Amino acid sequence: MEVATNADSALSMLDAQDFDAAIIDLMLPGTNGIQLARLIRDRHPRTRIVLTSAYHLSERQLMRVDCGVVGFVPKPFDLSELARFLRGKLSAEEPQRPFVVPGAAA
């Protein structure tokens, strides 16, 4: 697991090595999470993208922003629930519709 504090460092990490997934906060400094997700989708299409934030997004909102995400996990989240969610998304051969983790804070 690697941690980036902004979009530029995240893209540098992704350019240097392959990652199965990227968990991106919506409220990044500078380039926001949706913009970063679009950049990752275009530059690293095999990387699955999950957005997270204290601000809740619905499945419909995820579809409208068209940024290539496989899901949204609202904060705060339980790490075991996040791990279960990621295992399901990473094992899927074809990208599915974006999914919002149920039962998380709205």
PDB file of N, CA and C in Angstrom:
ATOM      1  N   MET A   1       0.839  -1.164   0.000  1.00  0.00           N
ATOM      2  CA  MET A   1       0.000   0.000   0.000  1.00  0.00           C
ATOM      3  C   MET A   1       0.892   1.238   0.000  1.00  0.00           C
ATOM      4  N   GLU A   2       0.543   2.173  -0.827  1.00  0.00           N
ATOM      5  CA  GLU A   2       1.245   3.455  -0.909  1.00  0.00           C
ATOM      6  C   GLU A   2       0.253   4.572  -0.613  1.00  0.00           C
ATOM      7  N   VAL A   3       0.737   5.690  -0.119  1.00  0.00           N
ATOM      8  CA  VAL A   3      -0.117   6.833   0.179  1.00  0.00           C
ATOM      9  C   VAL A   3       0.424   8.056  -0.536  1.00  0.00           C
ATOM     10  N   ALA A   4      -0.455   8.731  -1.256  1.00  0.00           N
ATOM     11  CA  ALA A   4      -0.100   9.984  -1.925  1.00  0.00           C
ATOM     12  C   ALA A   4      -0.906  11.109  -1.277  1.00  0.00           C
ATOM     13  N   THR A   5      -0.305  12.276  -1.174  1.00  0.00           N
ATOM     14  CA  THR A   5      -0.988  13.395  -0.529  1.00  0.00           C
ATOM     15  C   THR A   5      -1.619  14.358  -1.523  1.00  0.00           C
ATOM     16  N   ASN A   6      -1.353  14.147  -2.812  1.00  0.00           N
ATOM     17  CA  ASN A   6      -1.957  15.004  -3.832  1.00  0.00           C
ATOM     18  C   ASN A   6      -1.993  14.249  -5.166  1.00  0.00           C
ATOM     19  N   ALA A   7      -2.641  14.843  -6.134  1.00  0.00           N
ATOM     20  CA  ALA A   7      -2.833  14.185  -7.431  1.00  0.00           C
ATOM     21  C   ALA A   7      -1.513  13.934  -8.152  1.00  0.00           C
ATOM     22  N   ASP A   8      -0.609  14.888  -8.115  1.00  0.00           N
ATOM     23  CA  ASP A   8       0.667  14.718  -8.825  1.00  0.00           C
ATOM     24  C   ASP A   8       1.459  13.533  -8.283  1.00  0.00           C
ATOM     25  N   SER A   9       1.525  13.402  -6.949  1.00  0.00           N
ATOM     26  CA  SER A   9       2.270  12.275  -6.393  1.00  0.00           C
ATOM     27  C   SER A   9       1.551  10.956  -6.661  1.00  0.00           C
ATOM     28  N   ALA A  10       0.222  10.962  -6.671  1.00  0.00           N
ATOM     29  CA  ALA A  10      -0.524   9.737  -6.988  1.00  0.00           C
ATOM     30  C   ALA A  10      -0.250   9.299  -8.422  1.00  0.00           C
ATOM     31  N   LEU A  11      -0.260  10.234  -9.351  1.00  0.00           N
ATOM     32  CA  LEU A  11       0.010   9.891 -10.749  1.00  0.00           C
ATOM     33  C   LEU A  11       1.438   9.423 -10.941  1.00  0.00           C
ATOM     34  N   SER A  12       2.372  10.017 -10.224  1.00  0.00           N
ATOM     35  CA  SER A  12       3.770   9.575 -10.303  1.00  0.00           C
ATOM     36  C   SER A  12       3.911   8.132  -9.827  1.00  0.00           C
ATOM     37  N   MET A  13       3.237   7.803  -8.733  1.00  0.00           N
ATOM     38  CA  MET A  13       3.270   6.427  -8.228  1.00  0.00           C
ATOM     39  C   MET A  13       2.673   5.452  -9.237  1.00  0.00           C
ATOM     40  N   LEU A  14       1.552   5.838  -9.820  1.00  0.00           N
ATOM     41  CA  LEU A  14       0.898   4.970 -10.802  1.00  0.00           C
ATOM     42  C   LEU A  14       1.736   4.823 -12.066  1.00  0.00           C
ATOM     43  N   ASP A  15       2.472   5.860 -12.444  1.00  0.00           N
ATOM     44  CA  ASP A  15       3.351   5.771 -13.611  1.00  0.00           C
ATOM     45  C   ASP A  15       4.538   4.851 -13.341  1.00  0.00           C
ATOM     46  N   ALA A  16       4.948   4.767 -12.069  1.00  0.00           N
ATOM     47  CA  ALA A  16       6.123   3.975 -11.711  1.00  0.00           C
ATOM     48  C   ALA A  16       5.815   2.490 -11.526  1.00  0.00           C
ATOM     49  N   GLN A  17       4.599   2.160 -11.124  1.00  0.00           N
ATOM     50  CA  GLN A  17       4.238   0.757 -10.922  1.00  0.00           C
ATOM     51  C   GLN A  17       2.733   0.578 -11.079  1.00  0.00           C
ATOM     52  N   ASP A  18       2.324  -0.661 -11.340  1.00  0.00           N
ATOM     53  CA  ASP A  18       0.905  -0.970 -11.496  1.00  0.00           C
ATOM     54  C   ASP A  18       0.245  -1.145 -10.135  1.00  0.00           C
ATOM     55  N   PHE A  19      -0.960  -0.631 -10.014  1.00  0.00           N
ATOM     56  CA  PHE A  19      -1.778  -0.819  -8.819  1.00  0.00           C
ATOM     57  C   PHE A  19      -3.112  -1.396  -9.251  1.00  0.00           C
ATOM     58  N   ASP A  20      -3.645  -2.313  -8.451  1.00  0.00           N
ATOM     59  CA  ASP A  20      -4.960  -2.873  -8.740  1.00  0.00           C
ATOM     60  C   ASP A  20      -6.057  -1.864  -8.456  1.00  0.00           C
ATOM     61  N   ALA A  21      -5.860  -1.056  -7.423  1.00  0.00           N
ATOM     62  CA  ALA A  21      -6.908  -0.132  -7.003  1.00  0.00           C
ATOM     63  C   ALA A  21      -6.309   1.165  -6.480  1.00  0.00           C
ATOM     64  N   ALA A  22      -7.101   2.218  -6.608  1.00  0.00           N
ATOM     65  CA  ALA A  22      -6.761   3.514  -6.034  1.00  0.00           C
ATOM     66  C   ALA A  22      -7.980   3.997  -5.256  1.00  0.00           C
ATOM     67  N   ILE A  23      -7.771   4.328  -3.990  1.00  0.00           N
ATOM     68  CA  ILE A  23      -8.836   4.886  -3.160  1.00  0.00           C
ATOM     69  C   ILE A  23      -8.558   6.378  -3.063  1.00  0.00           C
ATOM     70  N   ILE A  24      -9.490   7.168  -3.557  1.00  0.00           N
ATOM     71  CA  ILE A  24      -9.262   8.602  -3.709  1.00  0.00           C
ATOM     72  C   ILE A  24     -10.294   9.399  -2.921  1.00  0.00           C
ATOM     73  N   ASP A  25      -9.821  10.333  -2.117  1.00  0.00           N
ATOM     74  CA  ASP A  25     -10.714  11.247  -1.422  1.00  0.00           C
ATOM     75  C   ASP A  25     -11.191  12.316  -2.403  1.00  0.00           C
ATOM     76  N   LEU A  26     -12.454  12.681  -2.305  1.00  0.00           N
ATOM     77  CA  LEU A  26     -12.997  13.720  -3.181  1.00  0.00           C
ATOM     78  C   LEU A  26     -12.315  15.065  -2.969  1.00  0.00           C
ATOM     79  N   MET A  27     -11.938  15.370  -1.741  1.00  0.00           N
ATOM     80  CA  MET A  27     -11.444  16.692  -1.404  1.00  0.00           C
ATOM     81  C   MET A  27      -9.928  16.739  -1.329  1.00  0.00           C
ATOM     82  N   LEU A  28      -9.270  16.482  -2.420  1.00  0.00           N
ATOM     83  CA  LEU A  28      -7.809  16.595  -2.487  1.00  0.00           C
ATOM     84  C   LEU A  28      -7.422  18.058  -2.671  1.00  0.00           C
ATOM     85  N   PRO A  29      -6.246  18.445  -2.199  1.00  0.00           N
ATOM     86  CA  PRO A  29      -5.783  19.810  -2.483  1.00  0.00           C
ATOM     87  C   PRO A  29      -5.435  19.934  -3.960  1.00  0.00           C
ATOM     88  N   GLY A  30      -5.784  21.036  -4.570  1.00  0.00           N
ATOM     89  CA  GLY A  30      -5.503  21.235  -6.001  1.00  0.00           C
ATOM     90  C   GLY A  30      -6.482  20.463  -6.854  1.00  0.00           C
ATOM     91  N   THR A  31      -6.008  19.473  -7.565  1.00  0.00           N
ATOM     92  CA  THR A  31      -6.851  18.620  -8.397  1.00  0.00           C
ATOM     93  C   THR A  31      -7.765  17.808  -7.481  1.00  0.00           C
ATOM     94  N   ASN A  32      -9.093  17.909  -7.679  1.00  0.00           N
ATOM     95  CA  ASN A  32      -9.993  17.180  -6.786  1.00  0.00           C
ATOM     96  C   ASN A  32     -10.056  15.694  -7.150  1.00  0.00           C
ATOM     97  N   GLY A  33     -10.725  14.915  -6.314  1.00  0.00           N
ATOM     98  CA  GLY A  33     -10.774  13.475  -6.490  1.00  0.00           C
ATOM     99  C   GLY A  33     -11.416  13.033  -7.797  1.00  0.00           C
ATOM    100  N   ILE A  34     -12.441  13.730  -8.244  1.00  0.00           N
ATOM    101  CA  ILE A  34     -13.096  13.371  -9.511  1.00  0.00           C
ATOM    102  C   ILE A  34     -12.164  13.641 -10.689  1.00  0.00           C
ATOM    103  N   GLN A  35     -11.476  14.767 -10.659  1.00  0.00           N
ATOM    104  CA  GLN A  35     -10.514  15.067 -11.729  1.00  0.00           C
ATOM    105  C   GLN A  35      -9.389  14.038 -11.743  1.00  0.00           C
ATOM    106  N   LEU A  36      -8.886  13.668 -10.564  1.00  0.00           N
ATOM    107  CA  LEU A  36      -7.831  12.660 -10.489  1.00  0.00           C
ATOM    108  C   LEU A  36      -8.341  11.317 -11.003  1.00  0.00           C
ATOM    109  N   ALA A  37      -9.551  10.953 -10.645  1.00  0.00           N
ATOM    110  CA  ALA A  37     -10.120   9.688 -11.126  1.00  0.00           C
ATOM    111  C   ALA A  37     -10.165   9.663 -12.659  1.00  0.00           C
ATOM    112  N   ARG A  38     -10.531  10.771 -13.268  1.00  0.00           N
ATOM    113  CA  ARG A  38     -10.560  10.836 -14.737  1.00  0.00           C
ATOM    114  C   ARG A  38      -9.158  10.678 -15.330  1.00  0.00           C
ATOM    115  N   LEU A  39      -8.181  11.307 -14.698  1.00  0.00           N
ATOM    116  CA  LEU A  39      -6.800  11.180 -15.173  1.00  0.00           C
ATOM    117  C   LEU A  39      -6.311   9.736 -15.054  1.00  0.00           C
ATOM    118  N   ILE A  40      -6.622   9.106 -13.936  1.00  0.00           N
ATOM    119  CA  ILE A  40      -6.218   7.711 -13.750  1.00  0.00           C
ATOM    120  C   ILE A  40      -6.927   6.820 -14.753  1.00  0.00           C
ATOM    121  N   ARG A  41      -8.224   7.028 -14.947  1.00  0.00           N
ATOM    122  CA  ARG A  41      -8.978   6.236 -15.924  1.00  0.00           C
ATOM    123  C   ARG A  41      -8.335   6.316 -17.307  1.00  0.00           C
ATOM    124  N   ASP A  42      -7.924   7.505 -17.695  1.00  0.00           N
ATOM    125  CA  ASP A  42      -7.336   7.700 -19.025  1.00  0.00           C
ATOM    126  C   ASP A  42      -5.919   7.144 -19.131  1.00  0.00           C
ATOM    127  N   ARG A  43      -5.126   7.310 -18.074  1.00  0.00           N
ATOM    128  CA  ARG A  43      -3.715   6.901 -18.123  1.00  0.00           C
ATOM    129  C   ARG A  43      -3.469   5.473 -17.658  1.00  0.00           C
ATOM    130  N   HIS A  44      -4.336   4.974 -16.794  1.00  0.00           N
ATOM    131  CA  HIS A  44      -4.154   3.643 -16.197  1.00  0.00           C
ATOM    132  C   HIS A  44      -5.505   2.932 -16.143  1.00  0.00           C
ATOM    133  N   PRO A  45      -6.046   2.579 -17.296  1.00  0.00           N
ATOM    134  CA  PRO A  45      -7.425   2.059 -17.343  1.00  0.00           C
ATOM    135  C   PRO A  45      -7.653   0.752 -16.588  1.00  0.00           C
ATOM    136  N   ARG A  46      -6.619   0.022 -16.254  1.00  0.00           N
ATOM    137  CA  ARG A  46      -6.799  -1.240 -15.518  1.00  0.00           C
ATOM    138  C   ARG A  46      -6.888  -1.029 -14.012  1.00  0.00           C
ATOM    139  N   THR A  47      -6.545   0.152 -13.540  1.00  0.00           N
ATOM    140  CA  THR A  47      -6.618   0.451 -12.114  1.00  0.00           C
ATOM    141  C   THR A  47      -8.063   0.753 -11.735  1.00  0.00           C
ATOM    142  N   ARG A  48      -8.598   0.003 -10.784  1.00  0.00           N
ATOM    143  CA  ARG A  48      -9.964   0.233 -10.309  1.00  0.00           C
ATOM    144  C   ARG A  48      -9.939   1.400  -9.332  1.00  0.00           C
ATOM    145  N   ILE A  49     -10.907   2.279  -9.457  1.00  0.00           N
ATOM    146  CA  ILE A  49     -10.929   3.509  -8.666  1.00  0.00           C
ATOM    147  C   ILE A  49     -12.142   3.511  -7.740  1.00  0.00           C
ATOM    148  N   VAL A  50     -11.884   3.802  -6.472  1.00  0.00           N
ATOM    149  CA  VAL A  50     -12.932   3.945  -5.471  1.00  0.00           C
ATOM    150  C   VAL A  50     -12.799   5.343  -4.879  1.00  0.00           C
ATOM    151  N   LEU A  51     -13.895   6.081  -4.849  1.00  0.00           N
ATOM    152  CA  LEU A  51     -13.904   7.393  -4.216  1.00  0.00           C
ATOM    153  C   LEU A  51     -14.380   7.265  -2.781  1.00  0.00           C
ATOM    154  N   THR A  52     -13.919   8.173  -1.942  1.00  0.00           N
ATOM    155  CA  THR A  52     -14.372   8.239  -0.562  1.00  0.00           C
ATOM    156  C   THR A  52     -14.465   9.694  -0.138  1.00  0.00           C
ATOM    157  N   SER A  53     -15.350   9.956   0.802  1.00  0.00           N
ATOM    158  CA  SER A  53     -15.502  11.313   1.311  1.00  0.00           C
ATOM    159  C   SER A  53     -16.499  11.307   2.456  1.00  0.00           C
ATOM    160  N   ALA A  54     -16.445  12.352   3.276  1.00  0.00           N
ATOM    161  CA  ALA A  54     -17.483  12.551   4.285  1.00  0.00           C
ATOM    162  C   ALA A  54     -18.757  13.056   3.611  1.00  0.00           C
ATOM    163  N   TYR A  55     -18.615  13.620   2.413  1.00  0.00           N
ATOM    164  CA  TYR A  55     -19.754  14.048   1.609  1.00  0.00           C
ATOM    165  C   TYR A  55     -20.249  12.826   0.847  1.00  0.00           C
ATOM    166  N   HIS A  56     -21.520  12.514   0.939  1.00  0.00           N
ATOM    167  CA  HIS A  56     -22.068  11.297   0.340  1.00  0.00           C
ATOM    168  C   HIS A  56     -22.433  11.491  -1.136  1.00  0.00           C
ATOM    169  N   LEU A  57     -22.071  10.516  -1.967  1.00  0.00           N
ATOM    170  CA  LEU A  57     -22.481  10.483  -3.369  1.00  0.00           C
ATOM    171  C   LEU A  57     -23.351   9.255  -3.594  1.00  0.00           C
ATOM    172  N   SER A  58     -24.419   9.421  -4.352  1.00  0.00           N
ATOM    173  CA  SER A  58     -25.279   8.295  -4.681  1.00  0.00           C
ATOM    174  C   SER A  58     -24.759   7.602  -5.934  1.00  0.00           C
ATOM    175  N   GLU A  59     -25.305   6.433  -6.222  1.00  0.00           N
ATOM    176  CA  GLU A  59     -24.932   5.717  -7.443  1.00  0.00           C
ATOM    177  C   GLU A  59     -25.240   6.573  -8.670  1.00  0.00           C
ATOM    178  N   ARG A  60     -26.351   7.259  -8.659  1.00  0.00           N
ATOM    179  CA  ARG A  60     -26.729   8.133  -9.787  1.00  0.00           C
ATOM    180  C   ARG A  60     -25.705   9.256  -9.981  1.00  0.00           C
ATOM    181  N   GLN A  61     -25.258   9.863  -8.884  1.00  0.00           N
ATOM    182  CA  GLN A  61     -24.248  10.915  -8.988  1.00  0.00           C
ATOM    183  C   GLN A  61     -22.938  10.367  -9.542  1.00  0.00           C
ATOM    184  N   LEU A  62     -22.549   9.161  -9.111  1.00  0.00           N
ATOM    185  CA  LEU A  62     -21.328   8.548  -9.629  1.00  0.00           C
ATOM    186  C   LEU A  62     -21.422   8.315 -11.129  1.00  0.00           C
ATOM    187  N   MET A  63     -22.586   7.895 -11.587  1.00  0.00           N
ATOM    188  CA  MET A  63     -22.773   7.666 -13.021  1.00  0.00           C
ATOM    189  C   MET A  63     -22.647   8.987 -13.791  1.00  0.00           C
ATOM    190  N   ARG A  64     -23.209  10.052 -13.245  1.00  0.00           N
ATOM    191  CA  ARG A  64     -23.201  11.342 -13.941  1.00  0.00           C
ATOM    192  C   ARG A  64     -21.818  11.968 -14.036  1.00  0.00           C
ATOM    193  N   VAL A  65     -20.972  11.778 -13.043  1.00  0.00           N
ATOM    194  CA  VAL A  65     -19.662  12.425 -13.087  1.00  0.00           C
ATOM    195  C   VAL A  65     -18.724  11.746 -14.076  1.00  0.00           C
ATOM    196  N   ASP A  66     -19.049  10.526 -14.503  1.00  0.00           N
ATOM    197  CA  ASP A  66     -18.308   9.815 -15.542  1.00  0.00           C
ATOM    198  C   ASP A  66     -16.793   9.924 -15.337  1.00  0.00           C
ATOM    199  N   CYS A  67     -16.342   9.334 -14.232  1.00  0.00           N
ATOM    200  CA  CYS A  67     -14.906   9.388 -13.944  1.00  0.00           C
ATOM    201  C   CYS A  67     -14.286   8.014 -13.796  1.00  0.00           C
ATOM    202  N   GLY A  68     -15.031   6.971 -14.156  1.00  0.00           N
ATOM    203  CA  GLY A  68     -14.457   5.637 -14.168  1.00  0.00           C
ATOM    204  C   GLY A  68     -14.384   4.929 -12.833  1.00  0.00           C
ATOM    205  N   VAL A  69     -15.097   5.413 -11.844  1.00  0.00           N
ATOM    206  CA  VAL A  69     -15.025   4.766 -10.537  1.00  0.00           C
ATOM    207  C   VAL A  69     -15.868   3.499 -10.501  1.00  0.00           C
ATOM    208  N   VAL A  70     -15.422   2.548  -9.672  1.00  0.00           N
ATOM    209  CA  VAL A  70     -16.195   1.321  -9.473  1.00  0.00           C
ATOM    210  C   VAL A  70     -17.061   1.420  -8.232  1.00  0.00           C
ATOM    211  N   GLY A  71     -16.823   2.441  -7.414  1.00  0.00           N
ATOM    212  CA  GLY A  71     -17.645   2.581  -6.232  1.00  0.00           C
ATOM    213  C   GLY A  71     -17.289   3.778  -5.391  1.00  0.00           C
ATOM    214  N   PHE A  72     -18.121   3.975  -4.378  1.00  0.00           N
ATOM    215  CA  PHE A  72     -17.965   5.078  -3.439  1.00  0.00           C
ATOM    216  C   PHE A  72     -18.146   4.525  -2.034  1.00  0.00           C
ATOM    217  N   VAL A  73     -17.229   4.879  -1.143  1.00  0.00           N
ATOM    218  CA  VAL A  73     -17.303   4.453   0.252  1.00  0.00           C
ATOM    219  C   VAL A  73     -17.359   5.708   1.114  1.00  0.00           C
ATOM    220  N   PRO A  74     -18.522   6.002   1.715  1.00  0.00           N
ATOM    221  CA  PRO A  74     -18.627   7.192   2.552  1.00  0.00           C
ATOM    222  C   PRO A  74     -17.828   7.046   3.844  1.00  0.00           C
ATOM    223  N   LYS A  75     -17.278   8.159   4.305  1.00  0.00           N
ATOM    224  CA  LYS A  75     -16.578   8.181   5.589  1.00  0.00           C
ATOM    225  C   LYS A  75     -17.579   8.473   6.685  1.00  0.00           C
ATOM    226  N   PRO A  76     -17.408   7.986   7.857  1.00  0.00           N
ATOM    227  CA  PRO A  76     -16.362   7.044   8.238  1.00  0.00           C
ATOM    228  C   PRO A  76     -16.729   5.644   7.760  1.00  0.00           C
ATOM    229  N   PHE A  77     -15.717   4.834   7.503  1.00  0.00           N
ATOM    230  CA  PHE A  77     -15.984   3.470   7.074  1.00  0.00           C
ATOM    231  C   PHE A  77     -15.199   2.492   7.922  1.00  0.00           C
ATOM    232  N   ASP A  78     -15.702   1.296   7.982  1.00  0.00           N
ATOM    233  CA  ASP A  78     -15.061   0.203   8.700  1.00  0.00           C
ATOM    234  C   ASP A  78     -14.053  -0.430   7.750  1.00  0.00           C
ATOM    235  N   LEU A  79     -12.820  -0.628   8.189  1.00  0.00           N
ATOM    236  CA  LEU A  79     -11.784  -1.179   7.313  1.00  0.00           C
ATOM    237  C   LEU A  79     -12.121  -2.574   6.803  1.00  0.00           C
ATOM    238  N   SER A  80     -12.781  -3.382   7.609  1.00  0.00           N
ATOM    239  CA  SER A  80     -13.138  -4.725   7.140  1.00  0.00           C
ATOM    240  C   SER A  80     -14.196  -4.637   6.038  1.00  0.00           C
ATOM    241  N   GLU A  81     -15.131  -3.692   6.152  1.00  0.00           N
ATOM    242  CA  GLU A  81     -16.140  -3.490   5.102  1.00  0.00           C
ATOM    243  C   GLU A  81     -15.471  -2.985   3.824  1.00  0.00           C
ATOM    244  N   LEU A  82     -14.517  -2.084   3.959  1.00  0.00           N
ATOM    245  CA  LEU A  82     -13.780  -1.588   2.796  1.00  0.00           C
ATOM    246  C   LEU A  82     -13.005  -2.714   2.127  1.00  0.00           C
ATOM    247  N   ALA A  83     -12.349  -3.548   2.911  1.00  0.00           N
ATOM    248  CA  ALA A  83     -11.583  -4.670   2.358  1.00  0.00           C
ATOM    249  C   ALA A  83     -12.501  -5.640   1.623  1.00  0.00           C
ATOM    250  N   ARG A  84     -13.653  -5.942   2.189  1.00  0.00           N
ATOM    251  CA  ARG A  84     -14.619  -6.839   1.544  1.00  0.00           C
ATOM    252  C   ARG A  84     -15.113  -6.244   0.228  1.00  0.00           C
ATOM    253  N   PHE A  85     -15.403  -4.967   0.261  1.00  0.00           N
ATOM    254  CA  PHE A  85     -15.859  -4.250  -0.936  1.00  0.00           C
ATOM    255  C   PHE A  85     -14.786  -4.295  -2.031  1.00  0.00           C
ATOM    256  N   LEU A  86     -13.543  -4.007  -1.660  1.00  0.00           N
ATOM    257  CA  LEU A  86     -12.451  -4.012  -2.642  1.00  0.00           C
ATOM    258  C   LEU A  86     -12.193  -5.398  -3.217  1.00  0.00           C
ATOM    259  N   ARG A  87     -12.241  -6.420  -2.375  1.00  0.00           N
ATOM    260  CA  ARG A  87     -12.056  -7.787  -2.886  1.00  0.00           C
ATOM    261  C   ARG A  87     -13.093  -8.109  -3.953  1.00  0.00           C
ATOM    262  N   GLY A  88     -14.330  -7.722  -3.723  1.00  0.00           N
ATOM    263  CA  GLY A  88     -15.389  -7.965  -4.703  1.00  0.00           C
ATOM    264  C   GLY A  88     -15.154  -7.204  -5.994  1.00  0.00           C
ATOM    265  N   LYS A  89     -14.737  -5.963  -5.891  1.00  0.00           N
ATOM    266  CA  LYS A  89     -14.501  -5.147  -7.083  1.00  0.00           C
ATOM    267  C   LYS A  89     -13.267  -5.610  -7.846  1.00  0.00           C
ATOM    268  N   LEU A  90     -12.222  -6.018  -7.134  1.00  0.00           N
ATOM    269  CA  LEU A  90     -10.988  -6.427  -7.800  1.00  0.00           C
ATOM    270  C   LEU A  90     -11.109  -7.808  -8.433  1.00  0.00           C
ATOM    271  N   SER A  91     -12.017  -8.629  -7.923  1.00  0.00           N
ATOM    272  CA  SER A  91     -12.178  -9.962  -8.502  1.00  0.00           C
ATOM    273  C   SER A  91     -13.087  -9.958  -9.723  1.00  0.00           C
ATOM    274  N   ALA A  92     -13.854  -8.890  -9.914  1.00  0.00           N
ATOM    275  CA  ALA A  92     -14.745  -8.804 -11.076  1.00  0.00           C
ATOM    276  C   ALA A  92     -13.910  -8.613 -12.338  1.00  0.00           C
ATOM    277  N   GLU A  93     -14.162  -9.434 -13.335  1.00  0.00           N
ATOM    278  CA  GLU A  93     -13.385  -9.336 -14.575  1.00  0.00           C
ATOM    279  C   GLU A  93     -13.777  -8.113 -15.389  1.00  0.00           C
ATOM    280  N   GLU A  94     -15.040  -7.802 -15.424  1.00  0.00           N
ATOM    281  CA  GLU A  94     -15.516  -6.646 -16.173  1.00  0.00           C
ATOM    282  C   GLU A  94     -15.934  -5.560 -15.191  1.00  0.00           C
ATOM    283  N   PRO A  95     -15.631  -4.309 -15.515  1.00  0.00           N
ATOM    284  CA  PRO A  95     -16.102  -3.230 -14.650  1.00  0.00           C
ATOM    285  C   PRO A  95     -17.627  -3.266 -14.541  1.00  0.00           C
ATOM    286  N   GLN A  96     -18.109  -3.024 -13.347  1.00  0.00           N
ATOM    287  CA  GLN A  96     -19.538  -3.022 -13.096  1.00  0.00           C
ATOM    288  C   GLN A  96     -20.011  -1.606 -12.879  1.00  0.00           C
ATOM    289  N   ARG A  97     -21.309  -1.458 -12.728  1.00  0.00           N
ATOM    290  CA  ARG A  97     -21.838  -0.138 -12.383  1.00  0.00           C
ATOM    291  C   ARG A  97     -21.252   0.291 -11.055  1.00  0.00           C
ATOM    292  N   PRO A  98     -21.077   1.594 -10.859  1.00  0.00           N
ATOM    293  CA  PRO A  98     -20.565   2.062  -9.567  1.00  0.00           C
ATOM    294  C   PRO A  98     -21.477   1.601  -8.437  1.00  0.00           C
ATOM    295  N   PHE A  99     -20.905   1.348  -7.317  1.00  0.00           N
ATOM    296  CA  PHE A  99     -21.620   0.820  -6.173  1.00  0.00           C
ATOM    297  C   PHE A  99     -21.290   1.655  -4.955  1.00  0.00           C
ATOM    298  N   VAL A 100     -22.325   1.998  -4.199  1.00  0.00           N
ATOM    299  CA  VAL A 100     -22.138   2.721  -2.960  1.00  0.00           C
ATOM    300  C   VAL A 100     -22.242   1.713  -1.826  1.00  0.00           C
ATOM    301  N   VAL A 101     -21.264   1.693  -0.946  1.00  0.00           N
ATOM    302  CA  VAL A 101     -21.278   0.754   0.168  1.00  0.00           C
ATOM    303  C   VAL A 101     -22.493   1.048   1.047  1.00  0.00           C
ATOM    304  N   PRO A 102     -23.356   0.053   1.260  1.00  0.00           N
ATOM    305  CA  PRO A 102     -24.557   0.285   2.059  1.00  0.00           C
ATOM    306  C   PRO A 102     -24.240   0.405   3.542  1.00  0.00           C
ATOM    307  N   GLY A 103     -25.123   1.084   4.245  1.00  0.00           N
ATOM    308  CA  GLY A 103     -25.007   1.155   5.687  1.00  0.00           C
ATOM    309  C   GLY A 103     -23.961   2.122   6.192  1.00  0.00           C
ATOM    310  N   ALA A 104     -23.240   2.780   5.294  1.00  0.00           N
ATOM    311  CA  ALA A 104     -22.245   3.760   5.741  1.00  0.00           C
ATOM    312  C   ALA A 104     -22.940   5.083   6.009  1.00  0.00           C
ATOM    313  N   ALA A 105     -22.246   5.981   6.636  1.00  0.00           N
ATOM    314  CA  ALA A 105     -22.828   7.278   6.976  1.00  0.00           C
ATOM    315  C   ALA A 105     -23.280   8.013   5.725  1.00  0.00           C
ATOM    316  N   ALA A 106     -24.393   8.701   5.823  1.00  0.00           N
ATOM    317  CA  ALA A 106     -24.916   9.452   4.671  1.00  0.00           C
ATOM    318  C   ALA A 106     -24.458  10.882   4.698  1.00  0.00           C
TER     319      ALA A 106
END
